[in-house]
Amino acid sequence: MARGKKMQFYLSDQEYILLQEYAEDKQISMAEVLRDYIKTLPQIKKKT
């Protein structure tokens, strides 16, 4: 899957450390942690 979108946002020190430690524990990048989480979000049905 090609990735063509970029996001930037700020985290608190505590949020960053939590993300970093989780990624290190799973041996994946912090970006991959976030991408994996996004994949778990429910699909929203569009109203017509």
Foldseek 3Di string as FASTA:
>chain_A
DDDDDDDDDDDDPVVVVVLVVVCVVVVHDSVVVVVVVVVPDDDDDDDD
